[in-house]
Amino acid sequence: MKLLHLGPDEIYHVFCLALCMAYLDGRVSDEEGEILTRIGFGLGLSPEDISALGENAKGAILETSPADVIAFSIATLKARLDPEQLEGIKQILRFVAASDESMDSSEMELMDILEEMWPKDV
Protein backbone atom coordinates (compact mmCIF):
# COMPACT_ATOMS: atom_id res chain seq x y z
CA MET A 1 0.00 0.00 0.00
CA LYS A 2 1.32 3.41 -0.92
CA LEU A 3 1.46 5.73 2.01
CA LEU A 4 -0.26 9.10 1.39
CA HIS A 5 -0.89 8.34 -2.32
CA LEU A 6 1.96 10.51 -3.58
CA GLY A 7 3.38 10.73 -7.07
CA PRO A 8 7.06 10.14 -7.87
CA ASP A 9 8.04 13.81 -7.60
CA GLU A 10 6.29 14.22 -4.24
CA ILE A 11 7.96 11.03 -2.96
CA TYR A 12 11.32 12.50 -3.96
CA HIS A 13 10.62 15.67 -1.96
CA VAL A 14 9.47 13.67 1.07
CA PHE A 15 12.70 11.67 0.86
CA CYS A 16 14.74 14.88 0.58
CA LEU A 17 13.09 16.24 3.71
CA ALA A 18 13.51 12.96 5.58
CA LEU A 19 17.16 12.75 4.60
CA CYS A 20 17.77 16.36 5.62
CA MET A 21 16.03 15.67 8.94
CA ALA A 22 18.27 12.66 9.49
CA TYR A 23 21.41 14.73 8.68
CA LEU A 24 20.50 17.75 10.83
CA ASP A 25 22.35 16.39 13.83
CA GLY A 26 25.45 15.80 11.71
CA ARG A 27 25.10 12.10 10.97
CA VAL A 28 22.60 9.46 9.92
CA SER A 29 22.32 6.85 12.65
CA ASP A 30 21.62 3.20 11.90
CA GLU A 31 18.13 3.74 13.31
CA GLU A 32 17.52 6.69 10.99
CA GLY A 33 18.79 4.68 8.02
CA GLU A 34 16.37 1.89 8.87
CA ILE A 35 13.52 4.38 9.21
CA LEU A 36 14.35 5.91 5.82
CA THR A 37 14.18 2.43 4.29
CA ARG A 38 10.84 1.72 5.96
CA ILE A 39 9.47 5.04 4.76
CA GLY A 40 10.52 4.13 1.23
CA PHE A 41 8.70 0.80 1.47
CA GLY A 42 5.64 2.59 2.86
CA LEU A 43 5.70 4.93 -0.10
CA GLY A 44 5.66 1.95 -2.47
CA LEU A 45 9.34 1.92 -3.44
CA SER A 46 11.60 -1.05 -4.12
CA PRO A 47 15.03 -1.33 -2.43
CA GLU A 48 16.62 -0.18 -5.69
CA ASP A 49 14.29 2.82 -5.89
CA ILE A 50 15.10 3.74 -2.28
CA SER A 51 18.82 3.59 -2.97
CA ALA A 52 18.53 5.68 -6.15
CA LEU A 53 16.25 8.22 -4.50
CA GLY A 54 18.61 8.52 -1.55
CA GLU A 55 21.56 9.13 -3.87
CA ASN A 56 19.59 11.75 -5.84
CA ALA A 57 18.59 13.52 -2.64
CA LYS A 58 22.17 13.44 -1.32
CA GLY A 59 23.35 14.89 -4.64
CA ALA A 60 20.85 17.73 -4.43
CA ILE A 61 21.98 18.50 -0.88
CA LEU A 62 25.65 18.52 -1.90
CA GLU A 63 25.02 20.66 -5.00
CA THR A 64 23.14 23.35 -3.08
CA SER A 65 22.68 23.12 0.69
CA PRO A 66 20.38 21.38 3.14
CA ALA A 67 18.56 24.68 3.71
CA ASP A 68 17.91 25.14 -0.03
CA VAL A 69 16.68 21.56 -0.44
CA ILE A 70 14.44 21.88 2.61
CA ALA A 71 12.95 25.19 1.42
CA PHE A 72 12.34 23.92 -2.12
CA SER A 73 10.78 20.64 -0.95
CA ILE A 74 8.54 22.38 1.61
CA ALA A 75 7.29 24.86 -0.99
CA THR A 76 6.78 22.22 -3.69
CA LEU A 77 4.84 19.88 -1.42
CA LYS A 78 2.71 22.72 -0.04
CA ALA A 79 1.72 23.73 -3.58
CA ARG A 80 0.78 20.19 -4.62
CA LEU A 81 -0.69 18.37 -1.64
CA ASP A 82 -3.75 18.69 0.54
CA PRO A 83 -3.55 19.43 4.29
CA GLU A 84 -4.14 15.78 5.21
CA GLN A 85 -1.18 14.64 3.11
CA LEU A 86 1.02 17.40 4.53
CA GLU A 87 0.07 16.34 8.05
CA GLY A 88 1.06 12.78 7.16
CA ILE A 89 4.45 14.01 5.95
CA LYS A 90 4.95 15.92 9.20
CA GLN A 91 4.25 12.69 11.09
CA ILE A 92 6.82 10.86 8.98
CA LEU A 93 9.43 13.56 9.65
CA ARG A 94 8.70 13.53 13.40
CA PHE A 95 9.28 9.79 13.30
CA VAL A 96 12.64 10.27 11.54
CA ALA A 97 13.70 12.95 14.01
CA ALA A 98 12.82 10.81 17.03
CA SER A 99 14.21 7.55 15.63
CA ASP A 100 17.65 8.02 17.17
CA GLU A 101 16.01 8.64 20.56
CA SER A 102 17.01 12.29 20.68
CA MET A 103 15.33 15.14 18.88
CA ASP A 104 17.89 17.93 18.92
CA SER A 105 17.23 21.65 18.57
CA SER A 106 17.84 21.72 14.80
CA GLU A 107 15.31 18.91 14.27
CA MET A 108 12.79 20.69 16.49
CA GLU A 109 13.43 23.90 14.54
CA LEU A 110 12.61 22.15 11.25
CA MET A 111 9.42 20.74 12.75
CA ASP A 112 8.47 24.26 13.91
CA ILE A 113 9.02 25.56 10.37
CA LEU A 114 6.79 22.80 8.99
CA GLU A 115 4.06 23.62 11.52
CA GLU A 116 4.23 27.26 10.44
CA MET A 117 4.32 26.52 6.69
CA TRP A 118 1.82 23.65 6.74
CA PRO A 119 -0.73 24.52 9.44
CA LYS A 120 -3.38 21.87 10.14
CA ASP A 121 -6.31 24.19 9.52
CA VAL A 122 -5.40 25.34 6.00
C-alpha atoms as a PDB file:
ATOM      1  CA  MET A   1       0.000   0.000   0.000  1.00  0.00           C
ATOM      2  CA  LYS A   2       1.320   3.407  -0.915  1.00  0.00           C
ATOM      3  CA  LEU A   3       1.461   5.732   2.012  1.00  0.00           C
ATOM      4  CA  LEU A   4      -0.264   9.099   1.390  1.00  0.00           C
ATOM      5  CA  HIS A   5      -0.895   8.342  -2.316  1.00  0.00           C
ATOM      6  CA  LEU A   6       1.965  10.506  -3.579  1.00  0.00           C
ATOM      7  CA  GLY A   7       3.383  10.734  -7.074  1.00  0.00           C
ATOM      8  CA  PRO A   8       7.062  10.143  -7.868  1.00  0.00           C
ATOM      9  CA  ASP A   9       8.041  13.811  -7.600  1.00  0.00           C
ATOM     10  CA  GLU A  10       6.290  14.215  -4.236  1.00  0.00           C
ATOM     11  CA  ILE A  11       7.961  11.029  -2.964  1.00  0.00           C
ATOM     12  CA  TYR A  12      11.321  12.502  -3.963  1.00  0.00           C
ATOM     13  CA  HIS A  13      10.620  15.674  -1.958  1.00  0.00           C
ATOM     14  CA  VAL A  14       9.470  13.674   1.072  1.00  0.00           C
ATOM     15  CA  PHE A  15      12.702  11.666   0.862  1.00  0.00           C
ATOM     16  CA  CYS A  16      14.742  14.879   0.581  1.00  0.00           C
ATOM     17  CA  LEU A  17      13.091  16.242   3.715  1.00  0.00           C
ATOM     18  CA  ALA A  18      13.511  12.962   5.580  1.00  0.00           C
ATOM     19  CA  LEU A  19      17.165  12.747   4.599  1.00  0.00           C
ATOM     20  CA  CYS A  20      17.768  16.355   5.621  1.00  0.00           C
ATOM     21  CA  MET A  21      16.032  15.668   8.937  1.00  0.00           C
ATOM     22  CA  ALA A  22      18.268  12.664   9.495  1.00  0.00           C
ATOM     23  CA  TYR A  23      21.405  14.725   8.675  1.00  0.00           C
ATOM     24  CA  LEU A  24      20.502  17.745  10.825  1.00  0.00           C
ATOM     25  CA  ASP A  25      22.355  16.390  13.834  1.00  0.00           C
ATOM     26  CA  GLY A  26      25.446  15.797  11.708  1.00  0.00           C
ATOM     27  CA  ARG A  27      25.102  12.100  10.969  1.00  0.00           C
ATOM     28  CA  VAL A  28      22.599   9.457   9.917  1.00  0.00           C
ATOM     29  CA  SER A  29      22.324   6.849  12.647  1.00  0.00           C
ATOM     30  CA  ASP A  30      21.618   3.198  11.904  1.00  0.00           C
ATOM     31  CA  GLU A  31      18.126   3.736  13.311  1.00  0.00           C
ATOM     32  CA  GLU A  32      17.524   6.689  10.994  1.00  0.00           C
ATOM     33  CA  GLY A  33      18.792   4.683   8.019  1.00  0.00           C
ATOM     34  CA  GLU A  34      16.366   1.894   8.874  1.00  0.00           C
ATOM     35  CA  ILE A  35      13.520   4.380   9.212  1.00  0.00           C
ATOM     36  CA  LEU A  36      14.345   5.906   5.824  1.00  0.00           C
ATOM     37  CA  THR A  37      14.175   2.430   4.288  1.00  0.00           C
ATOM     38  CA  ARG A  38      10.837   1.721   5.962  1.00  0.00           C
ATOM     39  CA  ILE A  39       9.467   5.043   4.764  1.00  0.00           C
ATOM     40  CA  GLY A  40      10.523   4.131   1.231  1.00  0.00           C
ATOM     41  CA  PHE A  41       8.704   0.804   1.465  1.00  0.00           C
ATOM     42  CA  GLY A  42       5.635   2.591   2.862  1.00  0.00           C
ATOM     43  CA  LEU A  43       5.702   4.935  -0.103  1.00  0.00           C
ATOM     44  CA  GLY A  44       5.657   1.950  -2.468  1.00  0.00           C
ATOM     45  CA  LEU A  45       9.336   1.921  -3.441  1.00  0.00           C
ATOM     46  CA  SER A  46      11.596  -1.047  -4.118  1.00  0.00           C
ATOM     47  CA  PRO A  47      15.027  -1.335  -2.427  1.00  0.00           C
ATOM     48  CA  GLU A  48      16.625  -0.184  -5.688  1.00  0.00           C
ATOM     49  CA  ASP A  49      14.286   2.816  -5.889  1.00  0.00           C
ATOM     50  CA  ILE A  50      15.098   3.735  -2.283  1.00  0.00           C
ATOM     51  CA  SER A  51      18.821   3.592  -2.971  1.00  0.00           C
ATOM     52  CA  ALA A  52      18.534   5.678  -6.147  1.00  0.00           C
ATOM     53  CA  LEU A  53      16.255   8.223  -4.498  1.00  0.00           C
ATOM     54  CA  GLY A  54      18.614   8.517  -1.551  1.00  0.00           C
ATOM     55  CA  GLU A  55      21.555   9.133  -3.866  1.00  0.00           C
ATOM     56  CA  ASN A  56      19.592  11.749  -5.843  1.00  0.00           C
ATOM     57  CA  ALA A  57      18.586  13.521  -2.640  1.00  0.00           C
ATOM     58  CA  LYS A  58      22.175  13.443  -1.324  1.00  0.00           C
ATOM     59  CA  GLY A  59      23.353  14.886  -4.640  1.00  0.00           C
ATOM     60  CA  ALA A  60      20.848  17.735  -4.430  1.00  0.00           C
ATOM     61  CA  ILE A  61      21.976  18.500  -0.877  1.00  0.00           C
ATOM     62  CA  LEU A  62      25.651  18.517  -1.898  1.00  0.00           C
ATOM     63  CA  GLU A  63      25.015  20.664  -4.998  1.00  0.00           C
ATOM     64  CA  THR A  64      23.139  23.348  -3.076  1.00  0.00           C
ATOM     65  CA  SER A  65      22.677  23.115   0.688  1.00  0.00           C
ATOM     66  CA  PRO A  66      20.377  21.377   3.143  1.00  0.00           C
ATOM     67  CA  ALA A  67      18.559  24.677   3.714  1.00  0.00           C
ATOM     68  CA  ASP A  68      17.909  25.137  -0.028  1.00  0.00           C
ATOM     69  CA  VAL A  69      16.684  21.561  -0.439  1.00  0.00           C
ATOM     70  CA  ILE A  70      14.440  21.883   2.611  1.00  0.00           C
ATOM     71  CA  ALA A  71      12.952  25.186   1.418  1.00  0.00           C
ATOM     72  CA  PHE A  72      12.335  23.920  -2.121  1.00  0.00           C
ATOM     73  CA  SER A  73      10.781  20.641  -0.951  1.00  0.00           C
ATOM     74  CA  ILE A  74       8.545  22.375   1.609  1.00  0.00           C
ATOM     75  CA  ALA A  75       7.287  24.863  -0.990  1.00  0.00           C
ATOM     76  CA  THR A  76       6.783  22.221  -3.686  1.00  0.00           C
ATOM     77  CA  LEU A  77       4.837  19.878  -1.418  1.00  0.00           C
ATOM     78  CA  LYS A  78       2.711  22.724  -0.038  1.00  0.00           C
ATOM     79  CA  ALA A  79       1.724  23.728  -3.578  1.00  0.00           C
ATOM     80  CA  ARG A  80       0.781  20.189  -4.624  1.00  0.00           C
ATOM     81  CA  LEU A  81      -0.687  18.367  -1.636  1.00  0.00           C
ATOM     82  CA  ASP A  82      -3.746  18.692   0.536  1.00  0.00           C
ATOM     83  CA  PRO A  83      -3.553  19.425   4.288  1.00  0.00           C
ATOM     84  CA  GLU A  84      -4.137  15.775   5.209  1.00  0.00           C
ATOM     85  CA  GLN A  85      -1.179  14.636   3.106  1.00  0.00           C
ATOM     86  CA  LEU A  86       1.017  17.405   4.529  1.00  0.00           C
ATOM     87  CA  GLU A  87       0.067  16.345   8.052  1.00  0.00           C
ATOM     88  CA  GLY A  88       1.062  12.783   7.160  1.00  0.00           C
ATOM     89  CA  ILE A  89       4.447  14.014   5.951  1.00  0.00           C
ATOM     90  CA  LYS A  90       4.946  15.919   9.205  1.00  0.00           C
ATOM     91  CA  GLN A  91       4.252  12.689  11.086  1.00  0.00           C
ATOM     92  CA  ILE A  92       6.823  10.862   8.977  1.00  0.00           C
ATOM     93  CA  LEU A  93       9.426  13.555   9.652  1.00  0.00           C
ATOM     94  CA  ARG A  94       8.697  13.528  13.398  1.00  0.00           C
ATOM     95  CA  PHE A  95       9.282   9.785  13.303  1.00  0.00           C
ATOM     96  CA  VAL A  96      12.639  10.270  11.537  1.00  0.00           C
ATOM     97  CA  ALA A  97      13.699  12.954  14.011  1.00  0.00           C
ATOM     98  CA  ALA A  98      12.824  10.814  17.027  1.00  0.00           C
ATOM     99  CA  SER A  99      14.214   7.551  15.632  1.00  0.00           C
ATOM    100  CA  ASP A 100      17.651   8.024  17.171  1.00  0.00           C
ATOM    101  CA  GLU A 101      16.010   8.638  20.559  1.00  0.00           C
ATOM    102  CA  SER A 102      17.006  12.287  20.684  1.00  0.00           C
ATOM    103  CA  MET A 103      15.335  15.145  18.882  1.00  0.00           C
ATOM    104  CA  ASP A 104      17.894  17.931  18.918  1.00  0.00           C
ATOM    105  CA  SER A 105      17.226  21.650  18.572  1.00  0.00           C
ATOM    106  CA  SER A 106      17.837  21.725  14.797  1.00  0.00           C
ATOM    107  CA  GLU A 107      15.314  18.907  14.270  1.00  0.00           C
ATOM    108  CA  MET A 108      12.788  20.688  16.492  1.00  0.00           C
ATOM    109  CA  GLU A 109      13.429  23.897  14.544  1.00  0.00           C
ATOM    110  CA  LEU A 110      12.612  22.151  11.247  1.00  0.00           C
ATOM    111  CA  MET A 111       9.425  20.736  12.746  1.00  0.00           C
ATOM    112  CA  ASP A 112       8.467  24.256  13.912  1.00  0.00           C
ATOM    113  CA  ILE A 113       9.020  25.561  10.369  1.00  0.00           C
ATOM    114  CA  LEU A 114       6.788  22.801   8.989  1.00  0.00           C
ATOM    115  CA  GLU A 115       4.062  23.624  11.520  1.00  0.00           C
ATOM    116  CA  GLU A 116       4.225  27.255  10.437  1.00  0.00           C
ATOM    117  CA  MET A 117       4.318  26.525   6.693  1.00  0.00           C
ATOM    118  CA  TRP A 118       1.819  23.654   6.735  1.00  0.00           C
ATOM    119  CA  PRO A 119      -0.734  24.516   9.443  1.00  0.00           C
ATOM    120  CA  LYS A 120      -3.383  21.869  10.145  1.00  0.00           C
ATOM    121  CA  ASP A 121      -6.308  24.188   9.523  1.00  0.00           C
ATOM    122  CA  VAL A 122      -5.397  25.336   5.997  1.00  0.00           C
END
